[in-house]
Amino acid sequence: MPKYLCIRRSQSVPSGAGEGAKPSPAQMEEMYAKFNAWKTKFKDNIVDMGGRLDGGGKILTTEGATDGPFMETKEVVGGFMILAAKTVEEAMDVARQCPGVISPGASLEIREFITP
């Protein structure tokens, strides 16, 4: 079955802008219940849950390594996951149903792995 890399991007947040109000414990419990139900429903499609990415890292080029990624970009890669699906449309359907993946200001790039 083909595999798809899902790259989550969101708009960069200006320094000092904050992220809004934190969810209550009841809201967090509801969110985890929805997320766990999604994971159970699509357990055969989820190859690697990936996860959120740290804000730091390194950029490696032929000239060497520098600190990165650079936050002045318009969009920030915030996380990834790998799905198995028969078609890109099926991968899109699985990803679309994941709670919290698609939210205002965010996008999900879905790309098929090419294997020999």
PDB file of N, CA and C in Angstrom:
ATOM      1  N   MET A   1       0.859  -1.172   0.000  1.00  0.00           N
ATOM      2  CA  MET A   1       0.000   0.000   0.000  1.00  0.00           C
ATOM      3  C   MET A   1       0.911   1.243   0.000  1.00  0.00           C
ATOM      4  N   PRO A   2       0.616   2.238  -0.824  1.00  0.00           N
ATOM      5  CA  PRO A   2       1.434   3.451  -0.839  1.00  0.00           C
ATOM      6  C   PRO A   2       1.446   4.142   0.522  1.00  0.00           C
ATOM      7  N   LYS A   3       2.545   4.866   0.776  1.00  0.00           N
ATOM      8  CA  LYS A   3       2.687   5.637   2.013  1.00  0.00           C
ATOM      9  C   LYS A   3       2.748   7.118   1.664  1.00  0.00           C
ATOM     10  N   TYR A   4       2.199   7.920   2.574  1.00  0.00           N
ATOM     11  CA  TYR A   4       2.107   9.357   2.362  1.00  0.00           C
ATOM     12  C   TYR A   4       2.676  10.111   3.560  1.00  0.00           C
ATOM     13  N   LEU A   5       3.518  11.094   3.269  1.00  0.00           N
ATOM     14  CA  LEU A   5       4.040  11.984   4.292  1.00  0.00           C
ATOM     15  C   LEU A   5       3.092  13.163   4.412  1.00  0.00           C
ATOM     16  N   CYS A   6       2.631  13.429   5.624  1.00  0.00           N
ATOM     17  CA  CYS A   6       1.742  14.560   5.896  1.00  0.00           C
ATOM     18  C   CYS A   6       2.536  15.588   6.685  1.00  0.00           C
ATOM     19  N   ILE A   7       2.699  16.774   6.105  1.00  0.00           N
ATOM     20  CA  ILE A   7       3.476  17.844   6.726  1.00  0.00           C
ATOM     21  C   ILE A   7       2.517  18.941   7.146  1.00  0.00           C
ATOM     22  N   ARG A   8       2.448  19.197   8.458  1.00  0.00           N
ATOM     23  CA  ARG A   8       1.532  20.225   8.973  1.00  0.00           C
ATOM     24  C   ARG A   8       2.265  21.555   9.039  1.00  0.00           C
ATOM     25  N   ARG A   9       1.636  22.555   8.452  1.00  0.00           N
ATOM     26  CA  ARG A   9       2.182  23.914   8.478  1.00  0.00           C
ATOM     27  C   ARG A   9       1.164  24.843   9.127  1.00  0.00           C
ATOM     28  N   SER A  10       1.680  25.860   9.810  1.00  0.00           N
ATOM     29  CA  SER A  10       0.794  26.879  10.362  1.00  0.00           C
ATOM     30  C   SER A  10       1.445  28.229  10.141  1.00  0.00           C
ATOM     31  N   GLN A  11       0.636  29.263  10.260  1.00  0.00           N
ATOM     32  CA  GLN A  11       1.154  30.615  10.104  1.00  0.00           C
ATOM     33  C   GLN A  11       2.070  30.918  11.268  1.00  0.00           C
ATOM     34  N   SER A  12       3.185  31.589  10.997  1.00  0.00           N
ATOM     35  CA  SER A  12       4.085  31.946  12.086  1.00  0.00           C
ATOM     36  C   SER A  12       3.390  32.974  12.974  1.00  0.00           C
ATOM     37  N   VAL A  13       3.649  32.870  14.267  1.00  0.00           N
ATOM     38  CA  VAL A  13       3.034  33.763  15.251  1.00  0.00           C
ATOM     39  C   VAL A  13       4.038  34.855  15.574  1.00  0.00           C
ATOM     40  N   PRO A  14       3.668  36.131  15.413  1.00  0.00           N
ATOM     41  CA  PRO A  14       4.591  37.213  15.740  1.00  0.00           C
ATOM     42  C   PRO A  14       5.031  37.129  17.198  1.00  0.00           C
ATOM     43  N   SER A  15       6.244  37.503  17.459  1.00  0.00           N
ATOM     44  CA  SER A  15       6.791  37.453  18.806  1.00  0.00           C
ATOM     45  C   SER A  15       5.900  38.220  19.770  1.00  0.00           C
ATOM     46  N   GLY A  16       5.568  37.586  20.893  1.00  0.00           N
ATOM     47  CA  GLY A  16       4.739  38.216  21.914  1.00  0.00           C
ATOM     48  C   GLY A  16       3.241  38.145  21.645  1.00  0.00           C
ATOM     49  N   ALA A  17       2.834  37.477  20.556  1.00  0.00           N
ATOM     50  CA  ALA A  17       1.410  37.427  20.220  1.00  0.00           C
ATOM     51  C   ALA A  17       0.644  36.428  21.067  1.00  0.00           C
ATOM     52  N   GLY A  18       1.319  35.441  21.652  1.00  0.00           N
ATOM     53  CA  GLY A  18       0.644  34.452  22.489  1.00  0.00           C
ATOM     54  C   GLY A  18      -0.177  33.477  21.662  1.00  0.00           C
ATOM     55  N   GLU A  19      -0.734  32.480  22.322  1.00  0.00           N
ATOM     56  CA  GLU A  19      -1.496  31.449  21.627  1.00  0.00           C
ATOM     57  C   GLU A  19      -2.948  31.388  22.063  1.00  0.00           C
ATOM     58  N   GLY A  20      -3.414  32.341  22.850  1.00  0.00           N
ATOM     59  CA  GLY A  20      -4.805  32.321  23.281  1.00  0.00           C
ATOM     60  C   GLY A  20      -4.985  31.546  24.563  1.00  0.00           C
ATOM     61  N   ALA A  21      -6.250  31.372  24.952  1.00  0.00           N
ATOM     62  CA  ALA A  21      -6.579  30.714  26.210  1.00  0.00           C
ATOM     63  C   ALA A  21      -6.296  29.210  26.134  1.00  0.00           C
ATOM     64  N   LYS A  22      -5.806  28.680  27.227  1.00  0.00           N
ATOM     65  CA  LYS A  22      -5.539  27.236  27.310  1.00  0.00           C
ATOM     66  C   LYS A  22      -6.863  26.511  27.555  1.00  0.00           C
ATOM     67  N   PRO A  23      -7.010  25.310  26.962  1.00  0.00           N
ATOM     68  CA  PRO A  23      -8.251  24.553  27.187  1.00  0.00           C
ATOM     69  C   PRO A  23      -8.364  24.070  28.633  1.00  0.00           C
ATOM     70  N   SER A  24      -9.593  23.914  29.078  1.00  0.00           N
ATOM     71  CA  SER A  24      -9.853  23.413  30.431  1.00  0.00           C
ATOM     72  C   SER A  24      -9.539  21.916  30.477  1.00  0.00           C
ATOM     73  N   PRO A  25      -9.412  21.337  31.683  1.00  0.00           N
ATOM     74  CA  PRO A  25      -9.204  19.884  31.775  1.00  0.00           C
ATOM     75  C   PRO A  25     -10.307  19.083  31.083  1.00  0.00           C
ATOM     76  N   ALA A  26     -11.555  19.536  31.172  1.00  0.00           N
ATOM     77  CA  ALA A  26     -12.659  18.833  30.508  1.00  0.00           C
ATOM     78  C   ALA A  26     -12.510  18.910  28.988  1.00  0.00           C
ATOM     79  N   GLN A  27     -12.095  20.069  28.472  1.00  0.00           N
ATOM     80  CA  GLN A  27     -11.878  20.218  27.032  1.00  0.00           C
ATOM     81  C   GLN A  27     -10.713  19.342  26.569  1.00  0.00           C
ATOM     82  N   MET A  28      -9.667  19.263  27.379  1.00  0.00           N
ATOM     83  CA  MET A  28      -8.515  18.414  27.037  1.00  0.00           C
ATOM     84  C   MET A  28      -8.934  16.944  27.004  1.00  0.00           C
ATOM     85  N   GLU A  29      -9.737  16.537  27.976  1.00  0.00           N
ATOM     86  CA  GLU A  29     -10.212  15.148  28.031  1.00  0.00           C
ATOM     87  C   GLU A  29     -11.052  14.820  26.795  1.00  0.00           C
ATOM     88  N   GLU A  30     -11.920  15.755  26.395  1.00  0.00           N
ATOM     89  CA  GLU A  30     -12.746  15.559  25.202  1.00  0.00           C
ATOM     90  C   GLU A  30     -11.874  15.470  23.943  1.00  0.00           C
ATOM     91  N   MET A  31     -10.854  16.344  23.859  1.00  0.00           N
ATOM     92  CA  MET A  31      -9.961  16.332  22.709  1.00  0.00           C
ATOM     93  C   MET A  31      -9.203  15.000  22.613  1.00  0.00           C
ATOM     94  N   TYR A  32      -8.692  14.515  23.743  1.00  0.00           N
ATOM     95  CA  TYR A  32      -7.969  13.232  23.736  1.00  0.00           C
ATOM     96  C   TYR A  32      -8.895  12.069  23.388  1.00  0.00           C
ATOM     97  N   ALA A  33     -10.123  12.119  23.831  1.00  0.00           N
ATOM     98  CA  ALA A  33     -11.082  11.060  23.497  1.00  0.00           C
ATOM     99  C   ALA A  33     -11.324  11.027  21.984  1.00  0.00           C
ATOM    100  N   LYS A  34     -11.507  12.191  21.372  1.00  0.00           N
ATOM    101  CA  LYS A  34     -11.702  12.263  19.921  1.00  0.00           C
ATOM    102  C   LYS A  34     -10.453  11.770  19.187  1.00  0.00           C
ATOM    103  N   PHE A  35      -9.288  12.189  19.670  1.00  0.00           N
ATOM    104  CA  PHE A  35      -8.029  11.788  19.036  1.00  0.00           C
ATOM    105  C   PHE A  35      -7.821  10.277  19.139  1.00  0.00           C
ATOM    106  N   ASN A  36      -8.069   9.708  20.303  1.00  0.00           N
ATOM    107  CA  ASN A  36      -7.913   8.259  20.484  1.00  0.00           C
ATOM    108  C   ASN A  36      -8.919   7.472  19.645  1.00  0.00           C
ATOM    109  N   ALA A  37     -10.135   8.000  19.486  1.00  0.00           N
ATOM    110  CA  ALA A  37     -11.128   7.341  18.624  1.00  0.00           C
ATOM    111  C   ALA A  37     -10.650   7.369  17.175  1.00  0.00           C
ATOM    112  N   TRP A  38     -10.066   8.487  16.739  1.00  0.00           N
ATOM    113  CA  TRP A  38      -9.517   8.586  15.379  1.00  0.00           C
ATOM    114  C   TRP A  38      -8.385   7.580  15.194  1.00  0.00           C
ATOM    115  N   LYS A  39      -7.475   7.493  16.172  1.00  0.00           N
ATOM    116  CA  LYS A  39      -6.351   6.540  16.077  1.00  0.00           C
ATOM    117  C   LYS A  39      -6.853   5.104  15.987  1.00  0.00           C
ATOM    118  N   THR A  40      -7.883   4.768  16.737  1.00  0.00           N
ATOM    119  CA  THR A  40      -8.449   3.416  16.695  1.00  0.00           C
ATOM    120  C   THR A  40      -9.099   3.148  15.343  1.00  0.00           C
ATOM    121  N   LYS A  41      -9.882   4.092  14.850  1.00  0.00           N
ATOM    122  CA  LYS A  41     -10.584   3.932  13.578  1.00  0.00           C
ATOM    123  C   LYS A  41      -9.610   3.732  12.416  1.00  0.00           C
ATOM    124  N   PHE A  42      -8.478   4.439  12.433  1.00  0.00           N
ATOM    125  CA  PHE A  42      -7.541   4.407  11.313  1.00  0.00           C
ATOM    126  C   PHE A  42      -6.214   3.723  11.658  1.00  0.00           C
ATOM    127  N   LYS A  43      -6.243   2.782  12.617  1.00  0.00           N
ATOM    128  CA  LYS A  43      -5.001   2.128  13.045  1.00  0.00           C
ATOM    129  C   LYS A  43      -4.275   1.437  11.895  1.00  0.00           C
ATOM    130  N   ASP A  44      -5.005   0.947  10.888  1.00  0.00           N
ATOM    131  CA  ASP A  44      -4.372   0.289   9.746  1.00  0.00           C
ATOM    132  C   ASP A  44      -3.740   1.278   8.778  1.00  0.00           C
ATOM    133  N   ASN A  45      -4.106   2.556   8.875  1.00  0.00           N
ATOM    134  CA  ASN A  45      -3.556   3.585   7.991  1.00  0.00           C
ATOM    135  C   ASN A  45      -2.390   4.343   8.613  1.00  0.00           C
ATOM    136  N   ILE A  46      -2.304   4.333   9.928  1.00  0.00           N
ATOM    137  CA  ILE A  46      -1.284   5.132  10.613  1.00  0.00           C
ATOM    138  C   ILE A  46       0.011   4.325  10.687  1.00  0.00           C
ATOM    139  N   VAL A  47       1.021   4.775   9.941  1.00  0.00           N
ATOM    140  CA  VAL A  47       2.323   4.111   9.921  1.00  0.00           C
ATOM    141  C   VAL A  47       3.209   4.689  11.022  1.00  0.00           C
ATOM    142  N   ASP A  48       3.225   6.012  11.131  1.00  0.00           N
ATOM    143  CA  ASP A  48       4.042   6.708  12.124  1.00  0.00           C
ATOM    144  C   ASP A  48       3.303   7.979  12.498  1.00  0.00           C
ATOM    145  N   MET A  49       2.941   8.112  13.768  1.00  0.00           N
ATOM    146  CA  MET A  49       2.210   9.290  14.219  1.00  0.00           C
ATOM    147  C   MET A  49       3.056  10.544  14.136  1.00  0.00           C
ATOM    148  N   GLY A  50       4.366  10.397  13.968  1.00  0.00           N
ATOM    149  CA  GLY A  50       5.204  11.585  13.882  1.00  0.00           C
ATOM    150  C   GLY A  50       5.048  12.402  15.139  1.00  0.00           C
ATOM    151  N   GLY A  51       4.710  13.655  14.976  1.00  0.00           N
ATOM    152  CA  GLY A  51       4.498  14.498  16.134  1.00  0.00           C
ATOM    153  C   GLY A  51       4.831  15.940  15.834  1.00  0.00           C
ATOM    154  N   ARG A  52       4.753  16.747  16.874  1.00  0.00           N
ATOM    155  CA  ARG A  52       5.125  18.157  16.756  1.00  0.00           C
ATOM    156  C   ARG A  52       6.628  18.263  16.645  1.00  0.00           C
ATOM    157  N   LEU A  53       7.090  19.296  15.983  1.00  0.00           N
ATOM    158  CA  LEU A  53       8.514  19.527  15.840  1.00  0.00           C
ATOM    159  C   LEU A  53       8.946  20.674  16.736  1.00  0.00           C
ATOM    160  N   ASP A  54      10.127  20.548  17.311  1.00  0.00           N
ATOM    161  CA  ASP A  54      10.711  21.591  18.134  1.00  0.00           C
ATOM    162  C   ASP A  54      10.998  22.811  17.263  1.00  0.00           C
ATOM    163  N   GLY A  55      11.010  23.984  17.836  1.00  0.00           N
ATOM    164  CA  GLY A  55      11.263  25.211  17.084  1.00  0.00           C
ATOM    165  C   GLY A  55      12.691  25.360  16.604  1.00  0.00           C
ATOM    166  N   GLY A  56      13.629  24.644  17.208  1.00  0.00           N
ATOM    167  CA  GLY A  56      15.029  24.747  16.818  1.00  0.00           C
ATOM    168  C   GLY A  56      15.405  23.698  15.810  1.00  0.00           C
ATOM    169  N   GLY A  57      16.669  23.530  15.616  1.00  0.00           N
ATOM    170  CA  GLY A  57      17.165  22.536  14.688  1.00  0.00           C
ATOM    171  C   GLY A  57      18.392  23.039  13.971  1.00  0.00           C
ATOM    172  N   LYS A  58      18.834  22.346  12.968  1.00  0.00           N
ATOM    173  CA  LYS A  58      20.005  22.712  12.174  1.00  0.00           C
ATOM    174  C   LYS A  58      19.644  22.637  10.698  1.00  0.00           C
ATOM    175  N   ILE A  59      20.252  23.491   9.919  1.00  0.00           N
ATOM    176  CA  ILE A  59      20.138  23.471   8.470  1.00  0.00           C
ATOM    177  C   ILE A  59      21.480  22.987   7.949  1.00  0.00           C
ATOM    178  N   LEU A  60      21.499  21.865   7.230  1.00  0.00           N
ATOM    179  CA  LEU A  60      22.732  21.276   6.724  1.00  0.00           C
ATOM    180  C   LEU A  60      22.839  21.517   5.228  1.00  0.00           C
ATOM    181  N   THR A  61      23.952  22.098   4.816  1.00  0.00           N
ATOM    182  CA  THR A  61      24.231  22.324   3.393  1.00  0.00           C
ATOM    183  C   THR A  61      25.629  21.801   3.090  1.00  0.00           C
ATOM    184  N   THR A  62      26.034  21.870   1.843  1.00  0.00           N
ATOM    185  CA  THR A  62      27.393  21.436   1.495  1.00  0.00           C
ATOM    186  C   THR A  62      28.444  22.336   2.121  1.00  0.00           C
ATOM    187  N   GLU A  63      28.063  23.560   2.488  1.00  0.00           N
ATOM    188  CA  GLU A  63      29.005  24.497   3.114  1.00  0.00           C
ATOM    189  C   GLU A  63      29.125  24.298   4.624  1.00  0.00           C
ATOM    190  N   GLY A  64      28.230  23.529   5.232  1.00  0.00           N
ATOM    191  CA  GLY A  64      28.274  23.311   6.671  1.00  0.00           C
ATOM    192  C   GLY A  64      26.887  23.317   7.271  1.00  0.00           C
ATOM    193  N   ALA A  65      26.827  23.587   8.574  1.00  0.00           N
ATOM    194  CA  ALA A  65      25.555  23.578   9.291  1.00  0.00           C
ATOM    195  C   ALA A  65      25.350  24.920   9.975  1.00  0.00           C
ATOM    196  N   THR A  66      24.096  25.360  10.003  1.00  0.00           N
ATOM    197  CA  THR A  66      23.728  26.584  10.703  1.00  0.00           C
ATOM    198  C   THR A  66      22.500  26.301  11.554  1.00  0.00           C
ATOM    199  N   ASP A  67      22.247  27.200  12.503  1.00  0.00           N
ATOM    200  CA  ASP A  67      21.029  27.070  13.298  1.00  0.00           C
ATOM    201  C   ASP A  67      19.827  27.340  12.406  1.00  0.00           C
ATOM    202  N   GLY A  68      18.734  26.700  12.720  1.00  0.00           N
ATOM    203  CA  GLY A  68      17.524  26.883  11.926  1.00  0.00           C
ATOM    204  C   GLY A  68      16.398  26.149  12.609  1.00  0.00           C
ATOM    205  N   PRO A  69      15.226  26.035  12.087  1.00  0.00           N
ATOM    206  CA  PRO A  69      14.759  26.784  10.922  1.00  0.00           C
ATOM    207  C   PRO A  69      14.604  28.253  11.245  1.00  0.00           C
ATOM    208  N   PHE A  70      14.515  29.069  10.234  1.00  0.00           N
ATOM    209  CA  PHE A  70      14.460  30.502  10.425  1.00  0.00           C
ATOM    210  C   PHE A  70      13.012  30.950  10.540  1.00  0.00           C
ATOM    211  N   MET A  71      12.673  31.537  11.667  1.00  0.00           N
ATOM    212  CA  MET A  71      11.285  31.836  12.011  1.00  0.00           C
ATOM    213  C   MET A  71      10.690  33.022  11.252  1.00  0.00           C
ATOM    214  N   GLU A  72      11.478  33.729  10.434  1.00  0.00           N
ATOM    215  CA  GLU A  72      10.882  34.834   9.706  1.00  0.00           C
ATOM    216  C   GLU A  72      10.055  34.363   8.512  1.00  0.00           C
ATOM    217  N   THR A  73      10.027  33.075   8.270  1.00  0.00           N
ATOM    218  CA  THR A  73       9.215  32.563   7.174  1.00  0.00           C
ATOM    219  C   THR A  73       7.740  32.740   7.496  1.00  0.00           C
ATOM    220  N   LYS A  74       6.904  32.803   6.451  1.00  0.00           N
ATOM    221  CA  LYS A  74       5.469  33.000   6.631  1.00  0.00           C
ATOM    222  C   LYS A  74       4.813  31.773   7.249  1.00  0.00           C
ATOM    223  N   GLU A  75       5.240  30.578   6.822  1.00  0.00           N
ATOM    224  CA  GLU A  75       4.661  29.343   7.337  1.00  0.00           C
ATOM    225  C   GLU A  75       5.726  28.542   8.064  1.00  0.00           C
ATOM    226  N   VAL A  76       5.334  27.906   9.148  1.00  0.00           N
ATOM    227  CA  VAL A  76       6.245  27.120   9.953  1.00  0.00           C
ATOM    228  C   VAL A  76       5.806  25.662   9.912  1.00  0.00           C
ATOM    229  N   VAL A  77       6.767  24.752   9.640  1.00  0.00           N
ATOM    230  CA  VAL A  77       6.449  23.328   9.701  1.00  0.00           C
ATOM    231  C   VAL A  77       6.360  22.967  11.174  1.00  0.00           C
ATOM    232  N   GLY A  78       5.181  22.493  11.588  1.00  0.00           N
ATOM    233  CA  GLY A  78       4.956  22.228  12.997  1.00  0.00           C
ATOM    234  C   GLY A  78       4.902  20.761  13.367  1.00  0.00           C
ATOM    235  N   GLY A  79       4.743  19.873  12.379  1.00  0.00           N
ATOM    236  CA  GLY A  79       4.667  18.459  12.696  1.00  0.00           C
ATOM    237  C   GLY A  79       4.475  17.624  11.444  1.00  0.00           C
ATOM    238  N   PHE A  80       4.467  16.313  11.646  1.00  0.00           N
ATOM    239  CA  PHE A  80       4.319  15.402  10.515  1.00  0.00           C
ATOM    240  C   PHE A  80       3.719  14.099  10.995  1.00  0.00           C
ATOM    241  N   MET A  81       3.244  13.296  10.050  1.00  0.00           N
ATOM    242  CA  MET A  81       2.865  11.908  10.298  1.00  0.00           C
ATOM    243  C   MET A  81       2.958  11.173   8.968  1.00  0.00           C
ATOM    244  N   ILE A  82       3.010   9.858   9.025  1.00  0.00           N
ATOM    245  CA  ILE A  82       3.074   9.034   7.830  1.00  0.00           C
ATOM    246  C   ILE A  82       1.861   8.121   7.828  1.00  0.00           C
ATOM    247  N   LEU A  83       1.130   8.138   6.706  1.00  0.00           N
ATOM    248  CA  LEU A  83      -0.075   7.329   6.557  1.00  0.00           C
ATOM    249  C   LEU A  83       0.102   6.342   5.409  1.00  0.00           C
ATOM    250  N   ALA A  84      -0.576   5.217   5.493  1.00  0.00           N
ATOM    251  CA  ALA A  84      -0.667   4.268   4.388  1.00  0.00           C
ATOM    252  C   ALA A  84      -2.100   4.348   3.876  1.00  0.00           C
ATOM    253  N   ALA A  85      -2.236   4.429   2.559  1.00  0.00           N
ATOM    254  CA  ALA A  85      -3.562   4.513   1.948  1.00  0.00           C
ATOM    255  C   ALA A  85      -3.459   4.057   0.503  1.00  0.00           C
ATOM    256  N   LYS A  86      -4.583   3.608  -0.036  1.00  0.00           N
ATOM    257  CA  LYS A  86      -4.609   3.139  -1.431  1.00  0.00           C
ATOM    258  C   LYS A  86      -4.428   4.284  -2.414  1.00  0.00           C
ATOM    259  N   THR A  87      -4.938   5.471  -2.065  1.00  0.00           N
ATOM    260  CA  THR A  87      -4.867   6.640  -2.942  1.00  0.00           C
ATOM    261  C   THR A  87      -4.587   7.885  -2.103  1.00  0.00           C
ATOM    262  N   VAL A  88      -4.187   8.956  -2.773  1.00  0.00           N
ATOM    263  CA  VAL A  88      -3.984  10.215  -2.063  1.00  0.00           C
ATOM    264  C   VAL A  88      -5.309  10.720  -1.502  1.00  0.00           C
ATOM    265  N   GLU A  89      -6.408  10.445  -2.198  1.00  0.00           N
ATOM    266  CA  GLU A  89      -7.720  10.855  -1.693  1.00  0.00           C
ATOM    267  C   GLU A  89      -8.047  10.163  -0.376  1.00  0.00           C
ATOM    268  N   GLU A  90      -7.705   8.864  -0.268  1.00  0.00           N
ATOM    269  CA  GLU A  90      -7.927   8.150   0.989  1.00  0.00           C
ATOM    270  C   GLU A  90      -7.043   8.717   2.088  1.00  0.00           C
ATOM    271  N   ALA A  91      -5.790   9.032   1.775  1.00  0.00           N
ATOM    272  CA  ALA A  91      -4.890   9.636   2.766  1.00  0.00           C
ATOM    273  C   ALA A  91      -5.446  10.987   3.225  1.00  0.00           C
ATOM    274  N   MET A  92      -5.988  11.764   2.290  1.00  0.00           N
ATOM    275  CA  MET A  92      -6.595  13.049   2.639  1.00  0.00           C
ATOM    276  C   MET A  92      -7.783  12.852   3.567  1.00  0.00           C
ATOM    277  N   ASP A  93      -8.594  11.841   3.312  1.00  0.00           N
ATOM    278  CA  ASP A  93      -9.762  11.570   4.146  1.00  0.00           C
ATOM    279  C   ASP A  93      -9.347  11.193   5.565  1.00  0.00           C
ATOM    280  N   VAL A  94      -8.326  10.347   5.691  1.00  0.00           N
ATOM    281  CA  VAL A  94      -7.826   9.948   7.019  1.00  0.00           C
ATOM    282  C   VAL A  94      -7.307  11.182   7.758  1.00  0.00           C
ATOM    283  N   ALA A  95      -6.484  11.980   7.088  1.00  0.00           N
ATOM    284  CA  ALA A  95      -5.904  13.166   7.726  1.00  0.00           C
ATOM    285  C   ALA A  95      -6.978  14.188   8.089  1.00  0.00           C
ATOM    286  N   ARG A  96      -7.937  14.376   7.205  1.00  0.00           N
ATOM    287  CA  ARG A  96      -9.005  15.363   7.433  1.00  0.00           C
ATOM    288  C   ARG A  96      -9.798  15.036   8.694  1.00  0.00           C
ATOM    289  N   GLN A  97      -9.926  13.754   9.012  1.00  0.00           N
ATOM    290  CA  GLN A  97     -10.712  13.353  10.181  1.00  0.00           C
ATOM    291  C   GLN A  97      -9.923  13.405  11.492  1.00  0.00           C
ATOM    292  N   CYS A  98      -8.616  13.670  11.414  1.00  0.00           N
ATOM    293  CA  CYS A  98      -7.811  13.748  12.634  1.00  0.00           C
ATOM    294  C   CYS A  98      -8.120  15.045  13.371  1.00  0.00           C
ATOM    295  N   PRO A  99      -8.600  14.954  14.610  1.00  0.00           N
ATOM    296  CA  PRO A  99      -8.934  16.169  15.368  1.00  0.00           C
ATOM    297  C   PRO A  99      -7.712  17.071  15.549  1.00  0.00           C
ATOM    298  N   GLY A 100      -7.879  18.336  15.234  1.00  0.00           N
ATOM    299  CA  GLY A 100      -6.826  19.314  15.474  1.00  0.00           C
ATOM    300  C   GLY A 100      -5.796  19.452  14.374  1.00  0.00           C
ATOM    301  N   VAL A 101      -5.806  18.583  13.377  1.00  0.00           N
ATOM    302  CA  VAL A 101      -4.784  18.693  12.329  1.00  0.00           C
ATOM    303  C   VAL A 101      -5.066  19.878  11.424  1.00  0.00           C
ATOM    304  N   ILE A 102      -6.300  20.009  10.979  1.00  0.00           N
ATOM    305  CA  ILE A 102      -6.673  21.141  10.142  1.00  0.00           C
ATOM    306  C   ILE A 102      -7.407  22.143  11.030  1.00  0.00           C
ATOM    307  N   SER A 103      -6.800  23.300  11.172  1.00  0.00           N
ATOM    308  CA  SER A 103      -7.392  24.349  11.991  1.00  0.00           C
ATOM    309  C   SER A 103      -7.173  25.681  11.274  1.00  0.00           C
ATOM    310  N   PRO A 104      -7.846  26.738  11.704  1.00  0.00           N
ATOM    311  CA  PRO A 104      -7.671  28.031  11.034  1.00  0.00           C
ATOM    312  C   PRO A 104      -6.192  28.425  10.967  1.00  0.00           C
ATOM    313  N   GLY A 105      -5.752  28.815   9.787  1.00  0.00           N
ATOM    314  CA  GLY A 105      -4.359  29.223   9.601  1.00  0.00           C
ATOM    315  C   GLY A 105      -3.392  28.081   9.387  1.00  0.00           C
ATOM    316  N   ALA A 106      -3.873  26.834   9.385  1.00  0.00           N
ATOM    317  CA  ALA A 106      -2.995  25.674   9.213  1.00  0.00           C
ATOM    318  C   ALA A 106      -3.302  24.977   7.899  1.00  0.00           C
ATOM    319  N   SER A 107      -2.325  24.240   7.404  1.00  0.00           N
ATOM    320  CA  SER A 107      -2.528  23.432   6.213  1.00  0.00           C
ATOM    321  C   SER A 107      -1.776  22.119   6.391  1.00  0.00           C
ATOM    322  N   LEU A 108      -2.128  21.151   5.572  1.00  0.00           N
ATOM    323  CA  LEU A 108      -1.480  19.844   5.628  1.00  0.00           C
ATOM    324  C   LEU A 108      -1.087  19.457   4.205  1.00  0.00           C
ATOM    325  N   GLU A 109       0.205  19.359   3.973  1.00  0.00           N
ATOM    326  CA  GLU A 109       0.718  18.924   2.676  1.00  0.00           C
ATOM    327  C   GLU A 109       0.828  17.407   2.710  1.00  0.00           C
ATOM    328  N   ILE A 110       0.269  16.736   1.709  1.00  0.00           N
ATOM    329  CA  ILE A 110       0.277  15.282   1.665  1.00  0.00           C
ATOM    330  C   ILE A 110       1.016  14.856   0.409  1.00  0.00           C
ATOM    331  N   ARG A 111       2.122  14.092   0.589  1.00  0.00           N
ATOM    332  CA  ARG A 111       2.965  13.689  -0.539  1.00  0.00           C
ATOM    333  C   ARG A 111       3.259  12.215  -0.464  1.00  0.00           C
ATOM    334  N   GLU A 112       3.137  11.564  -1.600  1.00  0.00           N
ATOM    335  CA  GLU A 112       3.378  10.112  -1.672  1.00  0.00           C
ATOM    336  C   GLU A 112       4.872   9.828  -1.705  1.00  0.00           C
ATOM    337  N   PHE A 113       5.270   8.789  -0.951  1.00  0.00           N
ATOM    338  CA  PHE A 113       6.642   8.297  -1.020  1.00  0.00           C
ATOM    339  C   PHE A 113       6.805   7.547  -2.335  1.00  0.00           C
ATOM    340  N   ILE A 114       7.873   7.791  -3.050  1.00  0.00           N
ATOM    341  CA  ILE A 114       8.191   7.051  -4.271  1.00  0.00           C
ATOM    342  C   ILE A 114       9.207   5.987  -3.888  1.00  0.00           C
ATOM    343  N   THR A 115       8.852   4.733  -4.107  1.00  0.00           N
ATOM    344  CA  THR A 115       9.766   3.646  -3.772  1.00  0.00           C
ATOM    345  C   THR A 115      10.122   2.881  -5.051  1.00  0.00           C
ATOM    346  N   PRO A 116      11.359   2.396  -5.137  1.00  0.00           N
ATOM    347  CA  PRO A 116      11.781   1.683  -6.332  1.00  0.00           C
ATOM    348  C   PRO A 116      11.030   0.381  -6.535  1.00  0.00           C
TER     349      PRO A 116
END
